[in-house]
């Protein structure tokens, strides 16, 4: 069974031969560990594309290099260290009224966000490897606060002026136009589209779930429906505590959910949502992965297996790797993923 077939069967609960494996790797990890890490990755490969598969010579894109960087939407980012995504320090829409004249970039985008040209490059290099190709990072709430600033967007939600809804509408329109461009161009090349909006704090949703359902749920459905038109999978990432809205995401068509297993509690996730969505695990990168013992990591992976799925499907083993993770812990994680996936 190829990696692509394995992932698709896991998402559809159709008994893959192995539990699929993925790793989200910050460029800083490649920069810190170099060839030693590359060799480890080759020994324990994943079922999704890796940056090395796409462009091994440019492992750290402009958006992750030290200094200031302006994305195609006009937001200015500052990175303090190579290998990390920084923070927005200058906002194109500091005044909400500016949305009336603000022009979104063309849907094919320019350098800095994932352009259609970059997606073509990914597909051309990865498809021969028979890996599952999921692209983009469609942002809605995050794009709005990248343009406005987090505090201002939260105030906008409170006041709900017409200009706020204009910003939301234009953001969604751009997202859909971009997705259609990609999906038309890559009808046979792309398997799924990632959506990325961090909706949770450590202990709660950032906004009242009633407000979320009223304002954001309908626009997510509209975007998810666009992906489904092309017969592709919807993959959704959110950091933080988002328990109140997982059922809504399932209802409107999310197929895969990347969420922080430790914050949400694997037992609670399983009891409410097992069999309804495929979990793409985000293991504990705050404590266990960087500071835990080898036994802590092994036990954490076992917790994911025991509670969130198995060979019947519904589970993709994944962890985000940062440079604060000791090499020995990375090695333990990779080895354990490949050991337990055959259980």
C-alpha atoms as a PDB file:
ATOM      1  CA  UNK A   1       0.000   0.000   0.000  1.00  0.00           C
ATOM      2  CA  UNK A   2       1.432   3.406  -0.935  1.00  0.00           C
ATOM      3  CA  UNK A   3       1.600   6.264   1.551  1.00  0.00           C
ATOM      4  CA  UNK A   4      -1.178   8.067  -0.314  1.00  0.00           C
ATOM      5  CA  UNK A   5      -3.446   5.019  -0.245  1.00  0.00           C
ATOM      6  CA  UNK A   6      -2.664   4.503   3.449  1.00  0.00           C
ATOM      7  CA  UNK A   7      -3.652   8.051   4.420  1.00  0.00           C
ATOM      8  CA  UNK A   8      -6.850   7.984   2.361  1.00  0.00           C
ATOM      9  CA  UNK A   9      -7.907   4.682   3.927  1.00  0.00           C
ATOM     10  CA  UNK A  10      -7.225   6.067   7.401  1.00  0.00           C
ATOM     11  CA  UNK A  11      -9.384   9.122   6.691  1.00  0.00           C
ATOM     12  CA  UNK A  12     -12.185   6.936   5.335  1.00  0.00           C
ATOM     13  CA  UNK A  13     -11.937   4.375   8.166  1.00  0.00           C
ATOM     14  CA  UNK A  14     -11.147   1.666   5.607  1.00  0.00           C
ATOM     15  CA  UNK A  15      -8.482  -0.368   7.423  1.00  0.00           C
ATOM     16  CA  UNK A  16      -5.076   0.929   6.253  1.00  0.00           C
ATOM     17  CA  UNK A  17      -2.187  -1.524   6.394  1.00  0.00           C
ATOM     18  CA  UNK A  18      -0.372   0.758   8.855  1.00  0.00           C
ATOM     19  CA  UNK A  19      -1.229   3.822  10.909  1.00  0.00           C
ATOM     20  CA  UNK A  20      -0.063   6.800   8.790  1.00  0.00           C
ATOM     21  CA  UNK A  21       2.790   8.898  10.154  1.00  0.00           C
ATOM     22  CA  UNK A  22       3.492  12.598   9.760  1.00  0.00           C
ATOM     23  CA  UNK A  23       5.842  15.133  11.345  1.00  0.00           C
ATOM     24  CA  UNK A  24       5.497  18.926  11.206  1.00  0.00           C
ATOM     25  CA  UNK A  25       9.071  20.167  11.232  1.00  0.00           C
ATOM     26  CA  UNK A  26      10.093  23.770  11.867  1.00  0.00           C
ATOM     27  CA  UNK A  27      12.940  24.902   9.575  1.00  0.00           C
ATOM     28  CA  UNK A  28      14.943  25.611  12.744  1.00  0.00           C
ATOM     29  CA  UNK A  29      15.181  21.837  13.318  1.00  0.00           C
ATOM     30  CA  UNK A  30      16.908  21.301   9.960  1.00  0.00           C
ATOM     31  CA  UNK A  31      19.210  24.238  10.687  1.00  0.00           C
ATOM     32  CA  UNK A  32      20.126  22.950  14.164  1.00  0.00           C
ATOM     33  CA  UNK A  33      20.646  19.237  13.463  1.00  0.00           C
ATOM     34  CA  UNK A  34      21.576  19.241   9.768  1.00  0.00           C
ATOM     35  CA  UNK A  35      22.617  15.987   8.108  1.00  0.00           C
ATOM     36  CA  UNK A  36      22.134  14.051  11.342  1.00  0.00           C
ATOM     37  CA  UNK A  37      18.439  14.881  11.269  1.00  0.00           C
ATOM     38  CA  UNK A  38      18.137  14.251   7.525  1.00  0.00           C
ATOM     39  CA  UNK A  39      19.568  10.771   7.985  1.00  0.00           C
ATOM     40  CA  UNK A  40      17.074  10.068  10.785  1.00  0.00           C
ATOM     41  CA  UNK A  41      14.197  11.269   8.618  1.00  0.00           C
ATOM     42  CA  UNK A  42      15.308   8.941   5.833  1.00  0.00           C
ATOM     43  CA  UNK A  43      15.417   6.049   8.290  1.00  0.00           C
ATOM     44  CA  UNK A  44      11.915   6.804   9.592  1.00  0.00           C
ATOM     45  CA  UNK A  45      10.011   8.338   6.638  1.00  0.00           C
ATOM     46  CA  UNK A  46       6.552   9.854   6.817  1.00  0.00           C
ATOM     47  CA  UNK A  47       3.501   9.429   4.617  1.00  0.00           C
ATOM     48  CA  UNK A  48       3.198  13.124   3.787  1.00  0.00           C
ATOM     49  CA  UNK A  49       5.636  15.294   1.820  1.00  0.00           C
ATOM     50  CA  UNK A  50       8.578  16.825   3.603  1.00  0.00           C
ATOM     51  CA  UNK A  51      10.388  20.069   2.857  1.00  0.00           C
ATOM     52  CA  UNK A  52      13.364  17.976   1.787  1.00  0.00           C
ATOM     53  CA  UNK A  53      11.202  16.339  -0.879  1.00  0.00           C
ATOM     54  CA  UNK A  54      10.284  19.716  -2.307  1.00  0.00           C
ATOM     55  CA  UNK A  55      13.325  21.986  -2.014  1.00  0.00           C
ATOM     56  CA  UNK A  56      16.206  20.625   0.021  1.00  0.00           C
ATOM     57  CA  UNK A  57      18.458  23.552  -0.894  1.00  0.00           C
ATOM     58  CA  UNK A  58      16.052  26.195   0.439  1.00  0.00           C
ATOM     59  CA  UNK A  59      14.849  24.592   3.630  1.00  0.00           C
ATOM     60  CA  UNK A  60      14.280  27.965   5.312  1.00  0.00           C
ATOM     61  CA  UNK A  61      11.885  30.143   3.248  1.00  0.00           C
ATOM     62  CA  UNK A  62      11.972  33.974   3.391  1.00  0.00           C
ATOM     63  CA  UNK A  63       9.043  33.999   5.832  1.00  0.00           C
ATOM     64  CA  UNK A  64      11.194  32.117   8.369  1.00  0.00           C
ATOM     65  CA  UNK A  65      14.444  34.094   8.135  1.00  0.00           C
ATOM     66  CA  UNK A  66      15.739  36.567  10.688  1.00  0.00           C
ATOM     67  CA  UNK A  67      14.691  40.150   9.982  1.00  0.00           C
ATOM     68  CA  UNK A  68      11.568  41.819   8.617  1.00  0.00           C
ATOM     69  CA  UNK A  69       9.484  40.381   5.856  1.00  0.00           C
ATOM     70  CA  UNK A  70       6.365  41.688   4.057  1.00  0.00           C
ATOM     71  CA  UNK A  71       3.853  39.089   2.886  1.00  0.00           C
ATOM     72  CA  UNK A  72       1.694  39.449  -0.212  1.00  0.00           C
ATOM     73  CA  UNK A  73      -1.176  40.889   1.878  1.00  0.00           C
ATOM     74  CA  UNK A  74       1.003  43.782   3.092  1.00  0.00           C
ATOM     75  CA  UNK A  75       1.497  42.543   6.658  1.00  0.00           C
ATOM     76  CA  UNK A  76       5.033  43.112   7.937  1.00  0.00           C
ATOM     77  CA  UNK A  77       6.516  40.258   9.965  1.00  0.00           C
ATOM     78  CA  UNK A  78       9.544  40.296  12.223  1.00  0.00           C
ATOM     79  CA  UNK A  79      11.598  37.171  12.912  1.00  0.00           C
ATOM     80  CA  UNK A  80      14.166  37.218  15.714  1.00  0.00           C
ATOM     81  CA  UNK A  81      15.821  33.944  14.688  1.00  0.00           C
ATOM     82  CA  UNK A  82      16.220  31.918  11.515  1.00  0.00           C
ATOM     83  CA  UNK A  83      13.899  28.951  11.205  1.00  0.00           C
ATOM     84  CA  UNK A  84      10.808  30.368  12.886  1.00  0.00           C
ATOM     85  CA  UNK A  85       7.680  32.179  11.722  1.00  0.00           C
ATOM     86  CA  UNK A  86       7.737  35.535  13.475  1.00  0.00           C
ATOM     87  CA  UNK A  87       5.029  37.991  14.474  1.00  0.00           C
ATOM     88  CA  UNK A  88       3.235  40.711  12.571  1.00  0.00           C
ATOM     89  CA  UNK A  89       4.529  44.149  13.614  1.00  0.00           C
ATOM     90  CA  UNK A  90       2.828  46.377  11.018  1.00  0.00           C
ATOM     91  CA  UNK A  91      -0.782  45.977   9.929  1.00  0.00           C
ATOM     92  CA  UNK A  92      -2.231  47.160   6.593  1.00  0.00           C
ATOM     93  CA  UNK A  93      -5.651  47.727   8.204  1.00  0.00           C
ATOM     94  CA  UNK A  94      -4.801  49.510  11.434  1.00  0.00           C
ATOM     95  CA  UNK A  95      -7.904  51.562  10.720  1.00  0.00           C
ATOM     96  CA  UNK A  96     -10.873  49.325   9.994  1.00  0.00           C
ATOM     97  CA  UNK A  97     -12.309  51.868   7.583  1.00  0.00           C
ATOM     98  CA  UNK A  98      -9.328  51.193   5.298  1.00  0.00           C
ATOM     99  CA  UNK A  99     -11.007  47.931   4.243  1.00  0.00           C
ATOM    100  CA  UNK A 100     -13.167  49.951   1.852  1.00  0.00           C
ATOM    101  CA  UNK A 101     -10.124  50.697  -0.310  1.00  0.00           C
ATOM    102  CA  UNK A 102      -7.866  47.769   0.548  1.00  0.00           C
ATOM    103  CA  UNK A 103      -7.037  45.456  -2.372  1.00  0.00           C
ATOM    104  CA  UNK A 104      -6.395  41.783  -1.690  1.00  0.00           C
ATOM    105  CA  UNK A 105      -3.595  40.231  -3.773  1.00  0.00           C
ATOM    106  CA  UNK A 106      -4.390  38.244  -6.883  1.00  0.00           C
ATOM    107  CA  UNK A 107      -5.614  34.716  -6.030  1.00  0.00           C
ATOM    108  CA  UNK A 108      -2.478  33.115  -7.479  1.00  0.00           C
ATOM    109  CA  UNK A 109      -0.453  35.100  -4.909  1.00  0.00           C
ATOM    110  CA  UNK A 110       3.035  36.454  -4.933  1.00  0.00           C
ATOM    111  CA  UNK A 111       6.223  35.272  -3.254  1.00  0.00           C
ATOM    112  CA  UNK A 112       5.757  34.822   0.465  1.00  0.00           C
ATOM    113  CA  UNK A 113       2.526  32.904   0.676  1.00  0.00           C
ATOM    114  CA  UNK A 114       2.076  29.526  -1.028  1.00  0.00           C
ATOM    115  CA  UNK A 115       1.636  30.467  -4.663  1.00  0.00           C
ATOM    116  CA  UNK A 116       0.130  28.386  -7.430  1.00  0.00           C
ATOM    117  CA  UNK A 117       3.631  28.041  -8.881  1.00  0.00           C
ATOM    118  CA  UNK A 118       4.927  26.674  -5.563  1.00  0.00           C
ATOM    119  CA  UNK A 119       2.042  24.200  -5.363  1.00  0.00           C
ATOM    120  CA  UNK A 120       2.795  22.985  -8.888  1.00  0.00           C
ATOM    121  CA  UNK A 121       6.399  22.481  -7.784  1.00  0.00           C
ATOM    122  CA  UNK A 122       5.327  20.517  -4.701  1.00  0.00           C
ATOM    123  CA  UNK A 123       3.009  18.269  -6.689  1.00  0.00           C
ATOM    124  CA  UNK A 124       5.521  17.601  -9.481  1.00  0.00           C
ATOM    125  CA  UNK A 125       8.197  16.511  -7.005  1.00  0.00           C
ATOM    126  CA  UNK A 126       6.012  14.629  -4.538  1.00  0.00           C
ATOM    127  CA  UNK A 127       3.519  12.761  -6.705  1.00  0.00           C
ATOM    128  CA  UNK A 128       6.148  10.275  -7.975  1.00  0.00           C
ATOM    129  CA  UNK A 129       6.771   9.404  -4.287  1.00  0.00           C
ATOM    130  CA  UNK A 130       3.106   8.370  -3.926  1.00  0.00           C
ATOM    131  CA  UNK A 131       2.589  10.484  -0.826  1.00  0.00           C
ATOM    132  CA  UNK A 132      -0.627  12.187   0.256  1.00  0.00           C
ATOM    133  CA  UNK A 133      -0.526  15.795  -0.988  1.00  0.00           C
ATOM    134  CA  UNK A 134      -2.337  18.309   1.204  1.00  0.00           C
ATOM    135  CA  UNK A 135      -1.531  21.936   0.476  1.00  0.00           C
ATOM    136  CA  UNK A 136      -2.250  25.500   1.512  1.00  0.00           C
ATOM    137  CA  UNK A 137      -2.961  26.924   4.909  1.00  0.00           C
ATOM    138  CA  UNK A 138      -6.289  28.646   4.394  1.00  0.00           C
ATOM    139  CA  UNK A 139      -6.647  31.273   7.099  1.00  0.00           C
ATOM    140  CA  UNK A 140      -9.752  33.255   7.938  1.00  0.00           C
ATOM    141  CA  UNK A 141      -9.685  34.460  11.547  1.00  0.00           C
ATOM    142  CA  UNK A 142      -5.891  34.512  11.487  1.00  0.00           C
ATOM    143  CA  UNK A 143      -5.758  36.422   8.207  1.00  0.00           C
ATOM    144  CA  UNK A 144      -8.073  39.003   9.718  1.00  0.00           C
ATOM    145  CA  UNK A 145      -5.852  39.599  12.727  1.00  0.00           C
ATOM    146  CA  UNK A 146      -2.714  39.493  10.574  1.00  0.00           C
ATOM    147  CA  UNK A 147      -4.291  42.413   8.703  1.00  0.00           C
ATOM    148  CA  UNK A 148      -5.777  44.217  11.713  1.00  0.00           C
ATOM    149  CA  UNK A 149      -4.005  43.078  14.877  1.00  0.00           C
ATOM    150  CA  UNK A 150      -5.410  40.615  17.411  1.00  0.00           C
ATOM    151  CA  UNK A 151      -6.695  43.167  19.927  1.00  0.00           C
ATOM    152  CA  UNK A 152      -8.444  45.168  17.237  1.00  0.00           C
ATOM    153  CA  UNK A 153     -10.127  42.097  15.740  1.00  0.00           C
ATOM    154  CA  UNK A 154     -11.392  41.073  19.159  1.00  0.00           C
ATOM    155  CA  UNK A 155     -12.833  44.570  19.587  1.00  0.00           C
ATOM    156  CA  UNK A 156     -14.313  44.336  16.091  1.00  0.00           C
ATOM    157  CA  UNK A 157     -16.104  41.155  17.177  1.00  0.00           C
ATOM    158  CA  UNK A 158     -17.566  43.036  20.118  1.00  0.00           C
ATOM    159  CA  UNK A 159     -18.771  46.059  18.128  1.00  0.00           C
ATOM    160  CA  UNK A 160     -19.591  44.180  14.889  1.00  0.00           C
ATOM    161  CA  UNK A 161     -19.509  47.190  12.606  1.00  0.00           C
ATOM    162  CA  UNK A 162     -20.304  46.810   8.917  1.00  0.00           C
ATOM    163  CA  UNK A 163     -16.628  47.141   8.031  1.00  0.00           C
ATOM    164  CA  UNK A 164     -15.797  44.080  10.132  1.00  0.00           C
ATOM    165  CA  UNK A 165     -18.198  41.948   8.108  1.00  0.00           C
ATOM    166  CA  UNK A 166     -16.786  43.459   4.922  1.00  0.00           C
ATOM    167  CA  UNK A 167     -13.325  42.296   6.000  1.00  0.00           C
ATOM    168  CA  UNK A 168     -14.648  38.818   6.790  1.00  0.00           C
ATOM    169  CA  UNK A 169     -16.475  38.590   3.458  1.00  0.00           C
ATOM    170  CA  UNK A 170     -13.465  39.727   1.438  1.00  0.00           C
ATOM    171  CA  UNK A 171     -11.189  37.310   3.272  1.00  0.00           C
ATOM    172  CA  UNK A 172     -13.490  34.395   2.541  1.00  0.00           C
ATOM    173  CA  UNK A 173     -13.941  35.466  -1.081  1.00  0.00           C
ATOM    174  CA  UNK A 174     -10.180  35.545  -1.544  1.00  0.00           C
ATOM    175  CA  UNK A 175      -9.780  32.139   0.104  1.00  0.00           C
ATOM    176  CA  UNK A 176     -12.379  30.579  -2.177  1.00  0.00           C
ATOM    177  CA  UNK A 177     -10.930  32.203  -5.307  1.00  0.00           C
ATOM    178  CA  UNK A 178      -7.475  30.930  -4.383  1.00  0.00           C
ATOM    179  CA  UNK A 179      -8.706  27.408  -3.621  1.00  0.00           C
ATOM    180  CA  UNK A 180     -10.621  27.210  -6.902  1.00  0.00           C
ATOM    181  CA  UNK A 181      -7.516  28.293  -8.786  1.00  0.00           C
ATOM    182  CA  UNK A 182      -5.455  25.579  -7.089  1.00  0.00           C
ATOM    183  CA  UNK A 183      -8.087  22.851  -7.346  1.00  0.00           C
ATOM    184  CA  UNK A 184      -8.821  23.557 -11.012  1.00  0.00           C
ATOM    185  CA  UNK A 185      -5.105  23.513 -11.802  1.00  0.00           C
ATOM    186  CA  UNK A 186      -4.370  20.422  -9.698  1.00  0.00           C
ATOM    187  CA  UNK A 187      -7.476  18.264 -10.049  1.00  0.00           C
ATOM    188  CA  UNK A 188      -5.341  15.116 -10.060  1.00  0.00           C
ATOM    189  CA  UNK A 189      -2.416  16.431  -8.033  1.00  0.00           C
ATOM    190  CA  UNK A 190      -3.864  17.548  -4.703  1.00  0.00           C
ATOM    191  CA  UNK A 191      -5.620  15.256  -2.230  1.00  0.00           C
ATOM    192  CA  UNK A 192      -6.718  17.780   0.383  1.00  0.00           C
ATOM    193  CA  UNK A 193      -6.696  21.370   1.577  1.00  0.00           C
ATOM    194  CA  UNK A 194      -5.483  22.470   5.014  1.00  0.00           C
ATOM    195  CA  UNK A 195      -7.319  25.181   6.945  1.00  0.00           C
ATOM    196  CA  UNK A 196      -5.483  26.843   9.812  1.00  0.00           C
ATOM    197  CA  UNK A 197      -7.006  29.083  12.483  1.00  0.00           C
ATOM    198  CA  UNK A 198      -6.013  28.976  16.136  1.00  0.00           C
ATOM    199  CA  UNK A 199      -9.305  29.255  18.014  1.00  0.00           C
ATOM    200  CA  UNK A 200      -8.316  28.186  21.515  1.00  0.00           C
ATOM    201  CA  UNK A 201      -6.391  29.396  24.511  1.00  0.00           C
ATOM    202  CA  UNK A 202      -4.908  26.912  26.973  1.00  0.00           C
ATOM    203  CA  UNK A 203      -8.261  26.435  28.669  1.00  0.00           C
ATOM    204  CA  UNK A 204     -11.101  27.858  26.567  1.00  0.00           C
ATOM    205  CA  UNK A 205     -12.315  29.004  23.176  1.00  0.00           C
ATOM    206  CA  UNK A 206     -11.164  32.534  22.341  1.00  0.00           C
ATOM    207  CA  UNK A 207     -14.731  33.699  21.751  1.00  0.00           C
ATOM    208  CA  UNK A 208     -18.152  32.544  22.877  1.00  0.00           C
ATOM    209  CA  UNK A 209     -19.106  29.404  20.903  1.00  0.00           C
ATOM    210  CA  UNK A 210     -22.532  30.926  20.163  1.00  0.00           C
ATOM    211  CA  UNK A 211     -20.783  33.854  18.461  1.00  0.00           C
ATOM    212  CA  UNK A 212     -18.457  31.459  16.633  1.00  0.00           C
ATOM    213  CA  UNK A 213     -21.406  29.489  15.271  1.00  0.00           C
ATOM    214  CA  UNK A 214     -23.234  32.627  14.191  1.00  0.00           C
ATOM    215  CA  UNK A 215     -20.330  34.408  12.482  1.00  0.00           C
ATOM    216  CA  UNK A 216     -17.714  31.860  11.470  1.00  0.00           C
ATOM    217  CA  UNK A 217     -19.410  28.497  11.079  1.00  0.00           C
ATOM    218  CA  UNK A 218     -21.352  29.553   7.941  1.00  0.00           C
ATOM    219  CA  UNK A 219     -18.217  30.845   6.197  1.00  0.00           C
ATOM    220  CA  UNK A 220     -16.245  27.719   7.026  1.00  0.00           C
ATOM    221  CA  UNK A 221     -19.076  25.647   5.566  1.00  0.00           C
ATOM    222  CA  UNK A 222     -18.951  27.721   2.405  1.00  0.00           C
ATOM    223  CA  UNK A 223     -15.196  27.127   2.102  1.00  0.00           C
ATOM    224  CA  UNK A 224     -15.409  23.427   3.010  1.00  0.00           C
ATOM    225  CA  UNK A 225     -18.151  22.974   0.402  1.00  0.00           C
ATOM    226  CA  UNK A 226     -15.801  24.424  -2.214  1.00  0.00           C
ATOM    227  CA  UNK A 227     -13.199  21.758  -1.416  1.00  0.00           C
ATOM    228  CA  UNK A 228     -15.832  19.022  -1.466  1.00  0.00           C
ATOM    229  CA  UNK A 229     -16.987  20.120  -4.945  1.00  0.00           C
ATOM    230  CA  UNK A 230     -13.655  18.829  -6.212  1.00  0.00           C
ATOM    231  CA  UNK A 231     -13.847  15.593  -4.251  1.00  0.00           C
ATOM    232  CA  UNK A 232     -10.976  16.554  -1.945  1.00  0.00           C
ATOM    233  CA  UNK A 233     -10.490  16.208   1.812  1.00  0.00           C
ATOM    234  CA  UNK A 234     -10.836  19.050   4.324  1.00  0.00           C
ATOM    235  CA  UNK A 235      -8.080  19.128   6.950  1.00  0.00           C
ATOM    236  CA  UNK A 236      -8.360  21.598   9.841  1.00  0.00           C
ATOM    237  CA  UNK A 237      -5.734  22.776  12.333  1.00  0.00           C
ATOM    238  CA  UNK A 238      -6.335  24.723  15.502  1.00  0.00           C
ATOM    239  CA  UNK A 239      -4.218  25.170  18.591  1.00  0.00           C
ATOM    240  CA  UNK A 240      -5.761  25.412  22.034  1.00  0.00           C
ATOM    241  CA  UNK A 241      -8.938  24.241  23.707  1.00  0.00           C
ATOM    242  CA  UNK A 242     -11.597  23.946  20.983  1.00  0.00           C
ATOM    243  CA  UNK A 243     -13.800  21.160  22.348  1.00  0.00           C
ATOM    244  CA  UNK A 244     -17.015  23.194  21.957  1.00  0.00           C
ATOM    245  CA  UNK A 245     -16.651  23.556  18.182  1.00  0.00           C
ATOM    246  CA  UNK A 246     -15.266  20.174  17.088  1.00  0.00           C
ATOM    247  CA  UNK A 247     -18.778  18.817  16.584  1.00  0.00           C
ATOM    248  CA  UNK A 248     -19.577  21.833  14.401  1.00  0.00           C
ATOM    249  CA  UNK A 249     -16.471  21.281  12.267  1.00  0.00           C
ATOM    250  CA  UNK A 250     -17.499  17.652  11.762  1.00  0.00           C
ATOM    251  CA  UNK A 251     -21.060  18.686  10.895  1.00  0.00           C
ATOM    252  CA  UNK A 252     -19.939  21.049   8.127  1.00  0.00           C
ATOM    253  CA  UNK A 253     -17.501  18.628   6.528  1.00  0.00           C
ATOM    254  CA  UNK A 254     -14.079  18.522   8.193  1.00  0.00           C
ATOM    255  CA  UNK A 255     -12.434  15.138   7.524  1.00  0.00           C
ATOM    256  CA  UNK A 256      -9.216  15.524   9.527  1.00  0.00           C
ATOM    257  CA  UNK A 257      -8.529  17.502  12.707  1.00  0.00           C
ATOM    258  CA  UNK A 258      -5.076  18.492  13.931  1.00  0.00           C
ATOM    259  CA  UNK A 259      -5.545  19.512  17.557  1.00  0.00           C
ATOM    260  CA  UNK A 260      -3.500  19.576  20.754  1.00  0.00           C
ATOM    261  CA  UNK A 261      -4.173  16.185  22.287  1.00  0.00           C
ATOM    262  CA  UNK A 262      -2.863  17.026  25.764  1.00  0.00           C
ATOM    263  CA  UNK A 263      -4.873  20.238  26.110  1.00  0.00           C
ATOM    264  CA  UNK A 264      -8.101  18.629  24.926  1.00  0.00           C
ATOM    265  CA  UNK A 265      -7.561  15.281  26.684  1.00  0.00           C
ATOM    266  CA  UNK A 266      -7.402  12.157  24.544  1.00  0.00           C
ATOM    267  CA  UNK A 267     -10.052  10.319  26.564  1.00  0.00           C
ATOM    268  CA  UNK A 268     -12.549  13.177  26.162  1.00  0.00           C
ATOM    269  CA  UNK A 269     -11.781  13.477  22.445  1.00  0.00           C
ATOM    270  CA  UNK A 270     -12.317   9.771  21.957  1.00  0.00           C
ATOM    271  CA  UNK A 271     -15.544   9.570  23.940  1.00  0.00           C
ATOM    272  CA  UNK A 272     -17.164  12.381  21.952  1.00  0.00           C
ATOM    273  CA  UNK A 273     -15.688  12.197  18.465  1.00  0.00           C
ATOM    274  CA  UNK A 274     -13.976   8.854  17.751  1.00  0.00           C
ATOM    275  CA  UNK A 275     -15.260   7.395  14.513  1.00  0.00           C
ATOM    276  CA  UNK A 276     -16.590  10.768  13.344  1.00  0.00           C
ATOM    277  CA  UNK A 277     -13.335  12.429  12.261  1.00  0.00           C
ATOM    278  CA  UNK A 278      -9.720  11.411  11.730  1.00  0.00           C
ATOM    279  CA  UNK A 279      -7.337  12.751  14.363  1.00  0.00           C
ATOM    280  CA  UNK A 280      -4.013  14.076  13.087  1.00  0.00           C
ATOM    281  CA  UNK A 281      -2.363  14.233  16.492  1.00  0.00           C
ATOM    282  CA  UNK A 282      -0.538  17.276  17.789  1.00  0.00           C
ATOM    283  CA  UNK A 283       1.446  15.702  20.615  1.00  0.00           C
ATOM    284  CA  UNK A 284       2.506  17.763  23.624  1.00  0.00           C
ATOM    285  CA  UNK A 285       5.178  20.106  22.236  1.00  0.00           C
ATOM    286  CA  UNK A 286       4.925  22.353  25.310  1.00  0.00           C
ATOM    287  CA  UNK A 287       6.189  19.837  27.880  1.00  0.00           C
ATOM    288  CA  UNK A 288       6.602  16.169  26.930  1.00  0.00           C
ATOM    289  CA  UNK A 289       8.412  16.417  23.584  1.00  0.00           C
ATOM    290  CA  UNK A 290      11.029  19.013  24.597  1.00  0.00           C
ATOM    291  CA  UNK A 291      11.442  18.168  28.299  1.00  0.00           C
ATOM    292  CA  UNK A 292      10.095  14.645  28.838  1.00  0.00           C
ATOM    293  CA  UNK A 293      12.004  11.418  29.230  1.00  0.00           C
ATOM    294  CA  UNK A 294      12.045   8.670  26.631  1.00  0.00           C
ATOM    295  CA  UNK A 295       9.448   6.843  28.698  1.00  0.00           C
ATOM    296  CA  UNK A 296       7.241   9.953  28.766  1.00  0.00           C
ATOM    297  CA  UNK A 297       7.288  10.057  24.964  1.00  0.00           C
ATOM    298  CA  UNK A 298       6.586   6.348  24.583  1.00  0.00           C
ATOM    299  CA  UNK A 299       3.670   6.598  27.032  1.00  0.00           C
ATOM    300  CA  UNK A 300       2.319   9.675  25.256  1.00  0.00           C
ATOM    301  CA  UNK A 301       2.297   7.902  21.892  1.00  0.00           C
ATOM    302  CA  UNK A 302       0.626   4.881  23.503  1.00  0.00           C
ATOM    303  CA  UNK A 303      -2.058   7.205  24.907  1.00  0.00           C
ATOM    304  CA  UNK A 304      -2.777   8.445  21.378  1.00  0.00           C
ATOM    305  CA  UNK A 305      -3.027   4.919  19.999  1.00  0.00           C
ATOM    306  CA  UNK A 306      -5.177   3.613  22.856  1.00  0.00           C
ATOM    307  CA  UNK A 307      -7.674   6.459  22.747  1.00  0.00           C
ATOM    308  CA  UNK A 308      -7.800   7.948  19.269  1.00  0.00           C
ATOM    309  CA  UNK A 309      -7.732   5.096  16.821  1.00  0.00           C
ATOM    310  CA  UNK A 310      -5.809   2.273  15.279  1.00  0.00           C
ATOM    311  CA  UNK A 311      -5.641   0.210  12.152  1.00  0.00           C
ATOM    312  CA  UNK A 312      -9.360   0.583  11.477  1.00  0.00           C
ATOM    313  CA  UNK A 313      -8.622   4.203  10.613  1.00  0.00           C
ATOM    314  CA  UNK A 314      -9.353   7.528  12.207  1.00  0.00           C
ATOM    315  CA  UNK A 315      -5.786   8.218  13.322  1.00  0.00           C
ATOM    316  CA  UNK A 316      -2.681   9.807  11.807  1.00  0.00           C
ATOM    317  CA  UNK A 317       0.280   9.921  14.175  1.00  0.00           C
ATOM    318  CA  UNK A 318       1.835  13.386  14.034  1.00  0.00           C
ATOM    319  CA  UNK A 319       3.968  15.684  16.149  1.00  0.00           C
ATOM    320  CA  UNK A 320       5.373  19.162  15.571  1.00  0.00           C
ATOM    321  CA  UNK A 321       9.131  19.269  16.034  1.00  0.00           C
ATOM    322  CA  UNK A 322      10.969  22.356  17.274  1.00  0.00           C
ATOM    323  CA  UNK A 323      14.655  23.005  17.985  1.00  0.00           C
ATOM    324  CA  UNK A 324      13.957  22.865  21.740  1.00  0.00           C
ATOM    325  CA  UNK A 325      13.403  19.108  21.314  1.00  0.00           C
ATOM    326  CA  UNK A 326      16.593  17.161  22.103  1.00  0.00           C
ATOM    327  CA  UNK A 327      17.791  14.967  19.271  1.00  0.00           C
ATOM    328  CA  UNK A 328      17.419  11.891  21.477  1.00  0.00           C
ATOM    329  CA  UNK A 329      13.735  12.731  21.979  1.00  0.00           C
ATOM    330  CA  UNK A 330      13.215  13.133  18.239  1.00  0.00           C
ATOM    331  CA  UNK A 331      14.871   9.771  17.701  1.00  0.00           C
ATOM    332  CA  UNK A 332      12.664   8.172  20.370  1.00  0.00           C
ATOM    333  CA  UNK A 333       9.523   9.667  18.823  1.00  0.00           C
ATOM    334  CA  UNK A 334      10.356   8.514  15.285  1.00  0.00           C
ATOM    335  CA  UNK A 335      11.258   5.029  16.439  1.00  0.00           C
ATOM    336  CA  UNK A 336       8.091   4.709  18.531  1.00  0.00           C
ATOM    337  CA  UNK A 337       5.823   5.968  15.730  1.00  0.00           C
ATOM    338  CA  UNK A 338       7.196   3.327  13.376  1.00  0.00           C
ATOM    339  CA  UNK A 339       7.033   0.631  16.029  1.00  0.00           C
ATOM    340  CA  UNK A 340       3.429   1.166  17.104  1.00  0.00           C
ATOM    341  CA  UNK A 341       2.015   1.862  13.642  1.00  0.00           C
ATOM    342  CA  UNK A 342       2.266  -1.862  12.964  1.00  0.00           C
ATOM    343  CA  UNK A 343       0.345  -2.917  16.083  1.00  0.00           C
END
